[in-house]
């Protein structure tokens, strides 16, 4: 037993040292699938996923704290690195997805705590990371390292808006603040999509760099749709001015259309990477960037489909949630296979 523990310590130490900033995307994926299953009527299974997301979040937060204490210089380099720095926004999104899961588990106090934690972290990161991107001197333009992880800025922003929309009892100011942050997230999507698309067209793409993180192209629209559906509910109840309802509905439907359009293109990217260029299919943190958008899209369709004018979307969400579960199971299997490999 002691020999096994001695063998595990170097592997754990290496994992802490090389911990990917976007590692909390696994929590995002697990938590949003839990919510989608609950909305589909599979309440017990959804609660299992939500509870698992809680355990994963607390464990990863502990590991991240260890890394921050033991390797502060490496953490700073990651924050300033355009290729991975936006991955830290997964902590924000995971906290807010976790808040929804805790609400499903009937733990409103813990849900509020997670939401506040995510909102405060977003308030700091939403200025610190872009400021470092612009002001830090580097040998090559930051744009050359732009990738799908940049959309995590949008995902985190919309998760904060959704969290506020879910906690309107905090005050009459909450619904309008949620709407304002949601509109900010929509604007950030347009900005980020422009920058990432320019990088993809302007600079060469390789199988190693065209990673699954580009699925967040779609995931960012999906979480915007989910929050939009929450805002439509607030408009219907009179907590947001009625005249804004049509604008929210139009924007939400436009974002859903964009997200659905992206799916075939993203599949083509995957075929180009793994079939034409024979890039091996193995576990990487970026795979959760496929699972989360699928789970978020299904949950968004289920949520929007509960509104009378969009009921046809509910059936689509019921199908997509099982696609997301299958993707989660496949990614988990690849992770287990990686863990079984010798160090």
Protein backbone atom coordinates (compact mmCIF):
# COMPACT_ATOMS: atom_id res chain seq x y z
CA UNK A 1 0.00 0.00 0.00
CA UNK A 2 2.83 2.38 0.92
CA UNK A 3 4.60 1.61 -2.35
CA UNK A 4 1.43 2.42 -4.28
CA UNK A 5 1.05 5.73 -2.42
CA UNK A 6 4.71 6.54 -3.04
CA UNK A 7 4.13 5.90 -6.74
CA UNK A 8 1.06 8.15 -6.82
CA UNK A 9 2.73 11.15 -5.17
CA UNK A 10 4.98 12.08 -8.15
CA UNK A 11 2.03 11.75 -10.55
CA UNK A 12 -0.15 13.98 -8.33
CA UNK A 13 2.66 16.51 -7.97
CA UNK A 14 3.12 16.61 -11.75
CA UNK A 15 -0.64 17.05 -12.22
CA UNK A 16 -0.70 19.98 -9.82
CA UNK A 17 2.27 21.61 -11.55
CA UNK A 18 0.78 21.23 -15.04
CA UNK A 19 -2.88 21.81 -14.07
CA UNK A 20 -4.71 23.29 -17.05
CA UNK A 21 -6.51 26.57 -16.27
CA UNK A 22 -9.60 25.22 -18.07
CA UNK A 23 -9.81 22.08 -15.90
CA UNK A 24 -13.07 23.31 -14.33
CA UNK A 25 -14.77 22.72 -17.69
CA UNK A 26 -15.34 19.16 -16.45
CA UNK A 27 -17.45 20.59 -13.62
CA UNK A 28 -19.33 22.80 -16.08
CA UNK A 29 -20.14 19.80 -18.28
CA UNK A 30 -21.21 17.56 -15.40
CA UNK A 31 -23.32 20.22 -13.73
CA UNK A 32 -25.19 21.36 -16.83
CA UNK A 33 -26.01 17.75 -17.79
CA UNK A 34 -27.46 17.32 -14.31
CA UNK A 35 -29.71 20.34 -14.83
CA UNK A 36 -30.73 19.14 -18.30
CA UNK A 37 -31.69 15.71 -16.98
CA UNK A 38 -33.85 17.30 -14.28
CA UNK A 39 -35.61 19.48 -16.85
CA UNK A 40 -36.17 16.34 -18.97
CA UNK A 41 -37.90 14.63 -16.06
CA UNK A 42 -35.02 12.35 -14.98
CA UNK A 43 -34.78 14.01 -11.58
CA UNK A 44 -32.89 11.33 -9.62
CA UNK A 45 -30.20 10.89 -12.29
CA UNK A 46 -29.91 14.67 -12.67
CA UNK A 47 -29.36 15.04 -8.94
CA UNK A 48 -26.58 12.44 -9.09
CA UNK A 49 -24.80 14.48 -11.78
CA UNK A 50 -25.33 17.69 -9.78
CA UNK A 51 -23.90 16.12 -6.63
CA UNK A 52 -20.93 14.79 -8.60
CA UNK A 53 -20.33 18.31 -9.94
CA UNK A 54 -20.23 19.63 -6.36
CA UNK A 55 -17.61 17.05 -5.36
CA UNK A 56 -15.53 17.73 -8.48
CA UNK A 57 -15.66 21.50 -7.94
CA UNK A 58 -14.49 21.30 -4.32
CA UNK A 59 -11.72 18.85 -5.21
CA UNK A 60 -10.40 20.90 -8.11
CA UNK A 61 -10.62 24.09 -6.07
CA UNK A 62 -8.41 22.45 -3.46
CA UNK A 63 -5.88 21.36 -6.11
CA UNK A 64 -5.89 24.84 -7.67
CA UNK A 65 -5.22 26.36 -4.24
CA UNK A 66 -2.24 24.04 -3.78
CA UNK A 67 -0.89 25.09 -7.18
CA UNK A 68 -1.34 28.78 -6.37
CA UNK A 69 0.66 28.34 -3.15
CA UNK A 70 3.38 26.08 -4.54
CA UNK A 71 3.71 27.49 -8.08
CA UNK A 72 2.59 31.15 -8.10
CA UNK A 73 4.95 32.07 -10.96
CA UNK A 74 3.50 29.35 -13.19
CA UNK A 75 -0.02 30.53 -12.37
CA UNK A 76 0.89 34.08 -13.37
CA UNK A 77 2.40 32.89 -16.64
CA UNK A 78 -0.82 31.01 -17.41
CA UNK A 79 -2.92 34.11 -16.70
CA UNK A 80 -0.79 36.16 -19.11
CA UNK A 81 -0.70 33.45 -21.78
CA UNK A 82 -3.29 34.20 -24.52
CA UNK A 83 -3.48 30.51 -25.44
CA UNK A 84 -4.65 29.35 -21.99
CA UNK A 85 -5.38 32.41 -19.82
CA UNK A 86 -9.08 32.58 -20.66
CA UNK A 87 -9.36 29.06 -19.26
CA UNK A 88 -9.54 30.56 -15.76
CA UNK A 89 -13.04 31.75 -16.64
CA UNK A 90 -14.12 28.10 -16.29
CA UNK A 91 -13.96 28.62 -12.52
CA UNK A 92 -16.56 31.38 -12.82
CA UNK A 93 -18.84 29.37 -15.11
CA UNK A 94 -18.43 26.23 -12.99
CA UNK A 95 -19.43 28.12 -9.83
CA UNK A 96 -22.58 29.46 -11.47
CA UNK A 97 -23.52 26.12 -13.04
CA UNK A 98 -22.88 24.61 -9.61
CA UNK A 99 -25.29 27.15 -8.12
CA UNK A 100 -28.03 25.84 -10.41
CA UNK A 101 -27.19 22.29 -9.38
CA UNK A 102 -27.30 23.16 -5.69
CA UNK A 103 -30.72 24.67 -6.25
CA UNK A 104 -31.76 21.33 -7.81
CA UNK A 105 -30.44 19.62 -4.66
CA UNK A 106 -32.65 21.96 -2.59
CA UNK A 107 -29.68 23.79 -1.04
CA UNK A 108 -30.56 27.47 -1.63
CA UNK A 109 -27.98 28.86 0.81
CA UNK A 110 -25.11 26.97 -0.83
CA UNK A 111 -26.46 27.94 -4.27
CA UNK A 112 -26.41 31.63 -3.34
CA UNK A 113 -22.86 31.29 -1.97
CA UNK A 114 -21.64 29.68 -5.20
CA UNK A 115 -23.33 32.37 -7.28
CA UNK A 116 -21.77 35.20 -5.26
CA UNK A 117 -18.35 33.53 -5.46
CA UNK A 118 -18.66 33.23 -9.23
CA UNK A 119 -19.87 36.81 -9.65
CA UNK A 120 -17.03 38.28 -7.57
CA UNK A 121 -14.41 36.20 -9.38
CA UNK A 122 -15.88 37.27 -12.73
CA UNK A 123 -15.74 40.95 -11.70
CA UNK A 124 -12.00 40.58 -11.10
CA UNK A 125 -11.12 38.30 -14.03
CA UNK A 126 -13.18 40.18 -16.63
CA UNK A 127 -10.75 43.10 -16.32
CA UNK A 128 -7.52 41.40 -15.20
CA UNK A 129 -7.25 38.84 -18.02
CA UNK A 130 -8.03 41.21 -20.94
CA UNK A 131 -5.73 43.86 -19.39
CA UNK A 132 -2.90 41.34 -19.23
CA UNK A 133 -3.65 40.33 -22.81
CA UNK A 134 -3.23 43.91 -24.04
CA UNK A 135 -0.56 45.34 -21.74
CA UNK A 136 1.84 42.42 -21.28
CA UNK A 137 4.75 42.49 -23.73
CA UNK A 138 5.33 39.26 -25.66
CA UNK A 139 7.49 38.28 -28.66
CA UNK A 140 4.51 37.55 -30.92
CA UNK A 141 1.08 39.18 -31.28
CA UNK A 142 -1.53 37.81 -28.89
CA UNK A 143 -3.87 37.29 -31.84
CA UNK A 144 -1.68 34.47 -33.17
CA UNK A 145 -2.60 32.45 -30.05
CA UNK A 146 -6.34 33.14 -30.14
CA UNK A 147 -8.45 29.97 -29.94
CA UNK A 148 -11.82 28.69 -28.86
CA UNK A 149 -10.99 29.11 -25.17
CA UNK A 150 -11.41 32.88 -25.62
CA UNK A 151 -15.17 32.27 -25.76
CA UNK A 152 -14.99 31.23 -22.10
CA UNK A 153 -15.05 34.97 -21.36
CA UNK A 154 -18.52 35.04 -22.92
CA UNK A 155 -19.60 31.83 -21.17
CA UNK A 156 -18.54 33.17 -17.77
CA UNK A 157 -20.30 36.48 -18.38
CA UNK A 158 -23.56 34.81 -19.37
CA UNK A 159 -23.33 32.44 -16.41
CA UNK A 160 -23.21 35.45 -14.08
CA UNK A 161 -26.23 36.96 -15.83
CA UNK A 162 -28.08 33.65 -15.47
CA UNK A 163 -27.16 33.37 -11.81
CA UNK A 164 -28.54 36.84 -11.09
CA UNK A 165 -31.72 36.03 -13.04
CA UNK A 166 -32.19 32.98 -10.81
CA UNK A 167 -31.80 35.03 -7.60
CA UNK A 168 -34.20 37.91 -8.23
CA UNK A 169 -35.30 37.83 -4.60
CA UNK A 170 -32.08 39.69 -3.75
CA UNK A 171 -33.69 42.95 -4.88
CA UNK A 172 -35.66 44.71 -7.58
CA UNK A 173 -32.38 45.79 -9.19
CA UNK A 174 -31.33 42.19 -9.91
CA UNK A 175 -33.39 41.53 -13.09
CA UNK A 176 -32.15 44.66 -14.87
CA UNK A 177 -28.56 43.99 -13.82
CA UNK A 178 -28.92 40.47 -15.17
CA UNK A 179 -30.25 41.87 -18.46
CA UNK A 180 -27.36 44.35 -18.70
CA UNK A 181 -24.73 41.66 -18.14
CA UNK A 182 -26.48 39.38 -20.65
CA UNK A 183 -26.33 42.13 -23.29
CA UNK A 184 -22.65 42.64 -22.43
CA UNK A 185 -22.09 38.92 -23.00
CA UNK A 186 -23.80 39.14 -26.39
CA UNK A 187 -21.50 42.02 -27.36
CA UNK A 188 -18.45 40.11 -26.13
CA UNK A 189 -19.52 37.17 -28.30
CA UNK A 190 -19.45 39.34 -31.42
CA UNK A 191 -16.05 40.75 -30.44
CA UNK A 192 -14.54 37.37 -29.61
CA UNK A 193 -15.99 35.66 -32.68
CA UNK A 194 -14.42 38.34 -34.87
CA UNK A 195 -10.98 37.99 -33.28
CA UNK A 196 -10.93 34.18 -33.30
CA UNK A 197 -12.24 33.98 -36.87
CA UNK A 198 -9.59 36.45 -38.06
CA UNK A 199 -6.91 34.31 -36.40
CA UNK A 200 -8.24 31.12 -38.03
CA UNK A 201 -8.30 32.72 -41.48
CA UNK A 202 -5.12 34.79 -41.17
CA UNK A 203 -2.77 32.17 -39.68
CA UNK A 204 -2.20 28.48 -40.53
CA UNK A 205 -4.29 25.85 -38.74
CA UNK A 206 -2.70 22.58 -37.61
CA UNK A 207 -4.24 19.42 -36.22
CA UNK A 208 -2.51 20.11 -32.90
CA UNK A 209 -4.03 23.58 -32.54
CA UNK A 210 -7.52 23.01 -33.97
CA UNK A 211 -8.60 21.56 -30.63
CA UNK A 212 -12.08 20.74 -29.30
CA UNK A 213 -12.15 24.14 -27.58
CA UNK A 214 -13.62 25.54 -30.79
CA UNK A 215 -16.89 23.91 -29.78
CA UNK A 216 -17.26 26.82 -27.37
CA UNK A 217 -18.14 28.79 -30.51
CA UNK A 218 -21.49 27.03 -30.09
CA UNK A 219 -21.43 26.70 -26.30
CA UNK A 220 -21.25 30.45 -25.84
CA UNK A 221 -24.44 30.87 -27.87
CA UNK A 222 -26.15 28.06 -25.96
CA UNK A 223 -25.57 29.59 -22.53
CA UNK A 224 -26.71 32.94 -23.94
CA UNK A 225 -29.95 31.22 -25.04
CA UNK A 226 -30.41 29.65 -21.59
CA UNK A 227 -30.02 33.01 -19.88
CA UNK A 228 -32.24 34.62 -22.51
CA UNK A 229 -34.99 32.13 -21.66
CA UNK A 230 -34.67 33.08 -17.99
CA UNK A 231 -34.96 36.76 -18.89
CA UNK A 232 -38.05 36.05 -20.99
CA UNK A 233 -39.59 34.47 -17.92
CA UNK A 234 -38.81 37.62 -15.91
CA UNK A 235 -40.36 39.76 -18.65
CA UNK A 236 -43.50 37.61 -18.62
CA UNK A 237 -43.79 38.04 -14.85
CA UNK A 238 -43.33 41.80 -15.07
CA UNK A 239 -39.91 41.93 -13.32
CA UNK A 240 -38.39 43.26 -16.56
CA UNK A 241 -40.31 45.91 -18.57
CA UNK A 242 -42.73 44.27 -20.99
CA UNK A 243 -41.52 46.30 -23.98
CA UNK A 244 -38.16 44.53 -23.79
CA UNK A 245 -39.70 41.08 -24.25
CA UNK A 246 -39.71 41.15 -28.07
CA UNK A 247 -36.06 42.28 -28.18
CA UNK A 248 -34.97 39.55 -25.76
CA UNK A 249 -36.91 36.91 -27.72
CA UNK A 250 -35.43 38.03 -31.06
CA UNK A 251 -31.85 38.02 -29.72
CA UNK A 252 -32.32 34.66 -28.04
CA UNK A 253 -33.70 33.02 -31.18
CA UNK A 254 -30.90 34.55 -33.29
CA UNK A 255 -28.26 33.13 -30.94
CA UNK A 256 -29.93 29.70 -31.03
CA UNK A 257 -29.88 29.77 -34.84
CA UNK A 258 -26.17 30.67 -34.86
CA UNK A 259 -25.35 27.89 -32.40
CA UNK A 260 -27.22 25.23 -34.36
CA UNK A 261 -25.55 26.38 -37.60
CA UNK A 262 -22.12 25.89 -36.05
CA UNK A 263 -22.58 22.19 -35.23
CA UNK A 264 -21.98 20.73 -38.75
CA UNK A 265 -18.99 23.04 -39.24
CA UNK A 266 -17.47 21.92 -35.93
CA UNK A 267 -17.97 18.29 -36.95
CA UNK A 268 -16.13 19.03 -40.21
CA UNK A 269 -13.25 20.47 -38.16
CA UNK A 270 -13.14 17.22 -36.16
CA UNK A 271 -13.09 15.08 -39.30
CA UNK A 272 -10.28 17.23 -40.73
CA UNK A 273 -8.32 16.82 -37.52
CA UNK A 274 -8.77 13.13 -36.72
CA UNK A 275 -9.51 11.51 -40.10
CA UNK A 276 -7.64 13.55 -42.69
CA UNK A 277 -4.68 14.45 -40.46
CA UNK A 278 -4.84 11.30 -38.29
CA UNK A 279 -4.54 13.14 -35.00
CA UNK A 280 -5.04 10.45 -32.31
CA UNK A 281 -8.22 10.49 -30.24
CA UNK A 282 -7.07 10.58 -26.62
CA UNK A 283 -8.01 12.37 -23.45
CA UNK A 284 -7.36 16.09 -23.27
CA UNK A 285 -8.98 18.74 -21.10
CA UNK A 286 -10.38 20.34 -24.25
CA UNK A 287 -12.76 17.40 -24.75
CA UNK A 288 -14.96 18.83 -22.01
CA UNK A 289 -15.39 21.78 -24.37
CA UNK A 290 -17.46 19.44 -26.53
CA UNK A 291 -19.47 17.95 -23.67
CA UNK A 292 -20.38 21.28 -22.07
CA UNK A 293 -21.77 22.94 -25.24
CA UNK A 294 -23.87 19.84 -26.00
CA UNK A 295 -25.22 19.80 -22.45
CA UNK A 296 -25.80 23.54 -22.49
CA UNK A 297 -27.56 23.44 -25.87
CA UNK A 298 -29.91 20.70 -24.68
CA UNK A 299 -30.63 22.54 -21.43
CA UNK A 300 -31.21 25.80 -23.31
CA UNK A 301 -33.69 24.09 -25.64
CA UNK A 302 -35.48 22.51 -22.68
CA UNK A 303 -35.66 25.84 -20.84
CA UNK A 304 -36.73 27.86 -23.88
CA UNK A 305 -39.12 25.08 -24.89
CA UNK A 306 -41.01 25.52 -21.62
CA UNK A 307 -42.18 28.94 -22.87
CA UNK A 308 -45.45 28.66 -24.85
CA UNK A 309 -44.10 30.28 -28.04
CA UNK A 310 -41.12 27.87 -28.25
CA UNK A 311 -42.60 24.49 -27.23
CA UNK A 312 -41.20 22.68 -30.30
CA UNK A 313 -37.71 23.10 -28.90
CA UNK A 314 -38.47 20.97 -25.84
CA UNK A 315 -38.45 17.74 -27.88
CA UNK A 316 -35.09 18.70 -29.42
CA UNK A 317 -33.68 19.27 -25.94
CA UNK A 318 -34.87 15.83 -24.80
CA UNK A 319 -32.89 14.24 -27.62
CA UNK A 320 -29.77 16.36 -27.22
CA UNK A 321 -29.46 15.69 -23.49
CA UNK A 322 -28.73 12.02 -24.18
CA UNK A 323 -26.19 12.98 -26.82
CA UNK A 324 -24.52 15.07 -24.10
CA UNK A 325 -24.64 12.16 -21.63
CA UNK A 326 -23.00 9.89 -24.22
CA UNK A 327 -20.28 12.50 -24.84
CA UNK A 328 -19.74 12.79 -21.07
CA UNK A 329 -19.42 9.01 -20.74
CA UNK A 330 -16.99 8.82 -23.66
CA UNK A 331 -14.80 11.61 -22.30
CA UNK A 332 -14.80 10.03 -18.84
CA UNK A 333 -13.77 6.68 -20.35
CA UNK A 334 -10.84 8.33 -22.14
CA UNK A 335 -9.84 10.01 -18.87
CA UNK A 336 -9.92 6.68 -17.00
CA UNK A 337 -7.80 5.10 -19.75
CA UNK A 338 -5.28 7.93 -19.43
CA UNK A 339 -5.12 7.46 -15.64
CA UNK A 340 -4.38 3.77 -16.06
CA UNK A 341 -1.38 4.48 -18.24
CA UNK A 342 2.02 4.27 -16.48
CA UNK A 343 3.47 7.61 -15.43
